[in-house]
């Protein structure tokens, strides 16, 4: 378990650093933070540390929370893909892991949710996102990317 926790912590640091750099590099280019949130490049270290701690599995977390956190961390890690400058490629190479993250989260919901509507929505997300992932992967293959 310690190895998994250390791996997740390393992924969190790498991902958060990349997001902070990306957020800072876009400042002044017409982008604005979502929902009035503070850009990560300007986040104080204590707030950054708190956010990272919240993302880490805790012994007190129920199984579904641990699995959601693991899916989130994996998605964030997989989304750390270099940009090519080609918006058609960049869109797909960043959306594929984003969609895969949604699939993994939906699988957690199917496993743990009690509400039939939640389970129906989770299954629909899996079906739709897997189809879109396949379409994006096919496009990348056809276009030599």
C-alpha atoms as a PDB file:
ATOM      1  CA  UNK A   1       0.000   0.000   0.000  1.00  0.00           C
ATOM      2  CA  UNK A   2       2.885   2.386   0.739  1.00  0.00           C
ATOM      3  CA  UNK A   3       4.226   1.893  -2.791  1.00  0.00           C
ATOM      4  CA  UNK A   4       0.821   2.703  -4.296  1.00  0.00           C
ATOM      5  CA  UNK A   5       0.510   5.807  -2.106  1.00  0.00           C
ATOM      6  CA  UNK A   6       4.016   6.973  -3.079  1.00  0.00           C
ATOM      7  CA  UNK A   7       3.241   6.365  -6.756  1.00  0.00           C
ATOM      8  CA  UNK A   8       0.010   8.324  -6.519  1.00  0.00           C
ATOM      9  CA  UNK A   9       1.804  11.135  -4.696  1.00  0.00           C
ATOM     10  CA  UNK A  10       4.444  11.292  -7.428  1.00  0.00           C
ATOM     11  CA  UNK A  11       1.736  11.344 -10.094  1.00  0.00           C
ATOM     12  CA  UNK A  12      -0.075  14.123  -8.246  1.00  0.00           C
ATOM     13  CA  UNK A  13       3.039  16.257  -7.983  1.00  0.00           C
ATOM     14  CA  UNK A  14       3.918  15.761 -11.642  1.00  0.00           C
ATOM     15  CA  UNK A  15       0.396  16.461 -12.816  1.00  0.00           C
ATOM     16  CA  UNK A  16      -0.164  19.456 -10.594  1.00  0.00           C
ATOM     17  CA  UNK A  17       3.149  20.961 -11.607  1.00  0.00           C
ATOM     18  CA  UNK A  18       2.228  20.525 -15.259  1.00  0.00           C
ATOM     19  CA  UNK A  19      -1.191  22.073 -14.730  1.00  0.00           C
ATOM     20  CA  UNK A  20       0.345  24.992 -12.855  1.00  0.00           C
ATOM     21  CA  UNK A  21       2.835  25.609 -15.655  1.00  0.00           C
ATOM     22  CA  UNK A  22       0.110  25.354 -18.290  1.00  0.00           C
ATOM     23  CA  UNK A  23      -2.178  27.690 -16.357  1.00  0.00           C
ATOM     24  CA  UNK A  24       0.600  30.222 -15.821  1.00  0.00           C
ATOM     25  CA  UNK A  25       1.714  30.059 -19.457  1.00  0.00           C
ATOM     26  CA  UNK A  26      -1.806  30.871 -20.648  1.00  0.00           C
ATOM     27  CA  UNK A  27      -2.148  33.970 -18.495  1.00  0.00           C
ATOM     28  CA  UNK A  28      -2.503  37.056 -20.599  1.00  0.00           C
ATOM     29  CA  UNK A  29      -3.705  35.036 -23.614  1.00  0.00           C
ATOM     30  CA  UNK A  30      -7.394  35.592 -23.070  1.00  0.00           C
ATOM     31  CA  UNK A  31      -7.934  32.588 -20.834  1.00  0.00           C
ATOM     32  CA  UNK A  32      -9.604  32.959 -17.494  1.00  0.00           C
ATOM     33  CA  UNK A  33      -9.752  30.601 -14.549  1.00  0.00           C
ATOM     34  CA  UNK A  34     -12.852  28.456 -14.314  1.00  0.00           C
ATOM     35  CA  UNK A  35     -15.574  29.522 -11.894  1.00  0.00           C
ATOM     36  CA  UNK A  36     -13.425  32.303 -10.493  1.00  0.00           C
ATOM     37  CA  UNK A  37     -10.942  29.758  -9.167  1.00  0.00           C
ATOM     38  CA  UNK A  38      -7.439  30.947  -8.476  1.00  0.00           C
ATOM     39  CA  UNK A  39      -4.987  29.895 -11.199  1.00  0.00           C
ATOM     40  CA  UNK A  40      -2.750  27.136  -9.879  1.00  0.00           C
ATOM     41  CA  UNK A  41       0.328  29.148 -10.824  1.00  0.00           C
ATOM     42  CA  UNK A  42      -0.740  31.633  -8.161  1.00  0.00           C
ATOM     43  CA  UNK A  43      -1.857  29.119  -5.552  1.00  0.00           C
ATOM     44  CA  UNK A  44      -0.034  29.438  -2.286  1.00  0.00           C
ATOM     45  CA  UNK A  45       1.970  26.379  -1.220  1.00  0.00           C
ATOM     46  CA  UNK A  46      -0.346  25.579   1.696  1.00  0.00           C
ATOM     47  CA  UNK A  47      -3.394  25.534  -0.594  1.00  0.00           C
ATOM     48  CA  UNK A  48      -1.531  23.372  -3.116  1.00  0.00           C
ATOM     49  CA  UNK A  49      -0.533  20.960  -0.370  1.00  0.00           C
ATOM     50  CA  UNK A  50      -4.137  20.827   0.926  1.00  0.00           C
ATOM     51  CA  UNK A  51      -5.435  20.082  -2.556  1.00  0.00           C
ATOM     52  CA  UNK A  52      -2.882  17.287  -3.014  1.00  0.00           C
ATOM     53  CA  UNK A  53      -3.754  15.808   0.387  1.00  0.00           C
ATOM     54  CA  UNK A  54      -7.450  15.812  -0.536  1.00  0.00           C
ATOM     55  CA  UNK A  55      -6.629  13.867  -3.702  1.00  0.00           C
ATOM     56  CA  UNK A  56      -4.636  11.200  -1.881  1.00  0.00           C
ATOM     57  CA  UNK A  57      -6.350   8.046  -0.661  1.00  0.00           C
ATOM     58  CA  UNK A  58      -6.929   8.098   3.057  1.00  0.00           C
ATOM     59  CA  UNK A  59      -7.314   5.094   5.342  1.00  0.00           C
ATOM     60  CA  UNK A  60     -10.671   6.601   6.354  1.00  0.00           C
ATOM     61  CA  UNK A  61     -11.963   6.733   2.767  1.00  0.00           C
ATOM     62  CA  UNK A  62     -14.662   4.263   1.846  1.00  0.00           C
ATOM     63  CA  UNK A  63     -13.795   1.888  -0.994  1.00  0.00           C
ATOM     64  CA  UNK A  64     -15.631   3.901  -3.657  1.00  0.00           C
ATOM     65  CA  UNK A  65     -13.800   7.110  -2.697  1.00  0.00           C
ATOM     66  CA  UNK A  66     -10.438   5.338  -2.866  1.00  0.00           C
ATOM     67  CA  UNK A  67     -11.338   3.992  -6.312  1.00  0.00           C
ATOM     68  CA  UNK A  68     -12.609   7.392  -7.547  1.00  0.00           C
ATOM     69  CA  UNK A  69      -9.399   9.051  -6.338  1.00  0.00           C
ATOM     70  CA  UNK A  70      -7.280   6.412  -8.065  1.00  0.00           C
ATOM     71  CA  UNK A  71      -9.241   6.900 -11.315  1.00  0.00           C
ATOM     72  CA  UNK A  72      -8.838  10.689 -11.040  1.00  0.00           C
ATOM     73  CA  UNK A  73      -5.101  10.427 -10.473  1.00  0.00           C
ATOM     74  CA  UNK A  74      -4.642   7.995 -13.363  1.00  0.00           C
ATOM     75  CA  UNK A  75      -6.636  10.271 -15.674  1.00  0.00           C
ATOM     76  CA  UNK A  76      -4.617  13.318 -14.667  1.00  0.00           C
ATOM     77  CA  UNK A  77      -1.376  11.421 -15.207  1.00  0.00           C
ATOM     78  CA  UNK A  78      -2.489  10.120 -18.618  1.00  0.00           C
ATOM     79  CA  UNK A  79      -3.617  13.582 -19.729  1.00  0.00           C
ATOM     80  CA  UNK A  80      -0.068  14.852 -19.303  1.00  0.00           C
ATOM     81  CA  UNK A  81       0.653  14.458 -23.030  1.00  0.00           C
ATOM     82  CA  UNK A  82       2.914  16.833 -24.961  1.00  0.00           C
ATOM     83  CA  UNK A  83       1.168  19.260 -27.284  1.00  0.00           C
ATOM     84  CA  UNK A  84       2.068  18.944 -30.964  1.00  0.00           C
ATOM     85  CA  UNK A  85       0.755  22.268 -32.219  1.00  0.00           C
ATOM     86  CA  UNK A  86      -1.760  20.393 -34.375  1.00  0.00           C
ATOM     87  CA  UNK A  87      -5.190  21.095 -32.845  1.00  0.00           C
ATOM     88  CA  UNK A  88      -6.744  18.028 -34.488  1.00  0.00           C
ATOM     89  CA  UNK A  89      -4.153  15.748 -32.912  1.00  0.00           C
ATOM     90  CA  UNK A  90      -3.923  17.607 -29.601  1.00  0.00           C
ATOM     91  CA  UNK A  91      -7.690  17.504 -29.151  1.00  0.00           C
ATOM     92  CA  UNK A  92      -7.779  13.743 -29.539  1.00  0.00           C
ATOM     93  CA  UNK A  93      -4.615  12.885 -27.614  1.00  0.00           C
ATOM     94  CA  UNK A  94      -5.881  14.844 -24.622  1.00  0.00           C
ATOM     95  CA  UNK A  95      -9.523  13.805 -24.872  1.00  0.00           C
ATOM     96  CA  UNK A  96      -8.789  10.080 -25.053  1.00  0.00           C
ATOM     97  CA  UNK A  97      -7.402   9.886 -21.490  1.00  0.00           C
ATOM     98  CA  UNK A  98     -10.103  12.307 -20.323  1.00  0.00           C
ATOM     99  CA  UNK A  99     -12.791   9.997 -21.724  1.00  0.00           C
ATOM    100  CA  UNK A 100     -10.993   6.931 -20.347  1.00  0.00           C
ATOM    101  CA  UNK A 101     -11.052   8.604 -16.935  1.00  0.00           C
ATOM    102  CA  UNK A 102     -14.814   9.028 -17.276  1.00  0.00           C
ATOM    103  CA  UNK A 103     -15.129   5.338 -18.151  1.00  0.00           C
ATOM    104  CA  UNK A 104     -13.093   4.325 -15.099  1.00  0.00           C
ATOM    105  CA  UNK A 105     -15.159   6.574 -12.821  1.00  0.00           C
ATOM    106  CA  UNK A 106     -18.369   5.165 -14.297  1.00  0.00           C
ATOM    107  CA  UNK A 107     -17.106   1.648 -13.585  1.00  0.00           C
ATOM    108  CA  UNK A 108     -16.600   2.651  -9.947  1.00  0.00           C
ATOM    109  CA  UNK A 109     -20.155   3.987  -9.892  1.00  0.00           C
ATOM    110  CA  UNK A 110     -21.510   0.752 -11.390  1.00  0.00           C
ATOM    111  CA  UNK A 111     -19.670  -1.227  -8.761  1.00  0.00           C
ATOM    112  CA  UNK A 112     -20.710   0.839  -5.741  1.00  0.00           C
ATOM    113  CA  UNK A 113     -23.801   2.930  -6.533  1.00  0.00           C
ATOM    114  CA  UNK A 114     -27.188   1.886  -5.203  1.00  0.00           C
ATOM    115  CA  UNK A 115     -29.466   4.165  -7.248  1.00  0.00           C
ATOM    116  CA  UNK A 116     -30.655   2.573 -10.528  1.00  0.00           C
ATOM    117  CA  UNK A 117     -30.563   5.963 -12.280  1.00  0.00           C
ATOM    118  CA  UNK A 118     -26.899   6.415 -11.311  1.00  0.00           C
ATOM    119  CA  UNK A 119     -26.132   2.948 -12.644  1.00  0.00           C
ATOM    120  CA  UNK A 120     -27.982   3.666 -15.923  1.00  0.00           C
ATOM    121  CA  UNK A 121     -26.087   6.921 -16.343  1.00  0.00           C
ATOM    122  CA  UNK A 122     -22.774   5.215 -15.576  1.00  0.00           C
ATOM    123  CA  UNK A 123     -23.445   2.509 -18.175  1.00  0.00           C
ATOM    124  CA  UNK A 124     -24.426   5.121 -20.767  1.00  0.00           C
ATOM    125  CA  UNK A 125     -21.202   7.015 -20.078  1.00  0.00           C
ATOM    126  CA  UNK A 126     -19.188   3.821 -20.533  1.00  0.00           C
ATOM    127  CA  UNK A 127     -20.937   2.999 -23.805  1.00  0.00           C
ATOM    128  CA  UNK A 128     -20.702   6.525 -25.239  1.00  0.00           C
ATOM    129  CA  UNK A 129     -17.156   7.268 -24.115  1.00  0.00           C
ATOM    130  CA  UNK A 130     -15.732   3.931 -25.279  1.00  0.00           C
ATOM    131  CA  UNK A 131     -17.264   4.543 -28.710  1.00  0.00           C
ATOM    132  CA  UNK A 132     -15.768   8.037 -28.858  1.00  0.00           C
ATOM    133  CA  UNK A 133     -12.372   6.767 -27.679  1.00  0.00           C
ATOM    134  CA  UNK A 134     -12.380   4.203 -30.502  1.00  0.00           C
ATOM    135  CA  UNK A 135     -13.347   6.898 -33.035  1.00  0.00           C
ATOM    136  CA  UNK A 136     -10.533   9.185 -31.877  1.00  0.00           C
ATOM    137  CA  UNK A 137      -7.989   6.352 -31.903  1.00  0.00           C
ATOM    138  CA  UNK A 138      -9.106   5.364 -35.422  1.00  0.00           C
ATOM    139  CA  UNK A 139      -8.707   8.964 -36.619  1.00  0.00           C
ATOM    140  CA  UNK A 140      -5.196   9.129 -35.157  1.00  0.00           C
ATOM    141  CA  UNK A 141      -4.265   5.852 -36.889  1.00  0.00           C
ATOM    142  CA  UNK A 142      -5.721   6.954 -40.227  1.00  0.00           C
ATOM    143  CA  UNK A 143      -3.922  10.263 -40.061  1.00  0.00           C
ATOM    144  CA  UNK A 144      -0.558   8.793 -39.125  1.00  0.00           C
ATOM    145  CA  UNK A 145      -0.490  10.211 -35.624  1.00  0.00           C
END
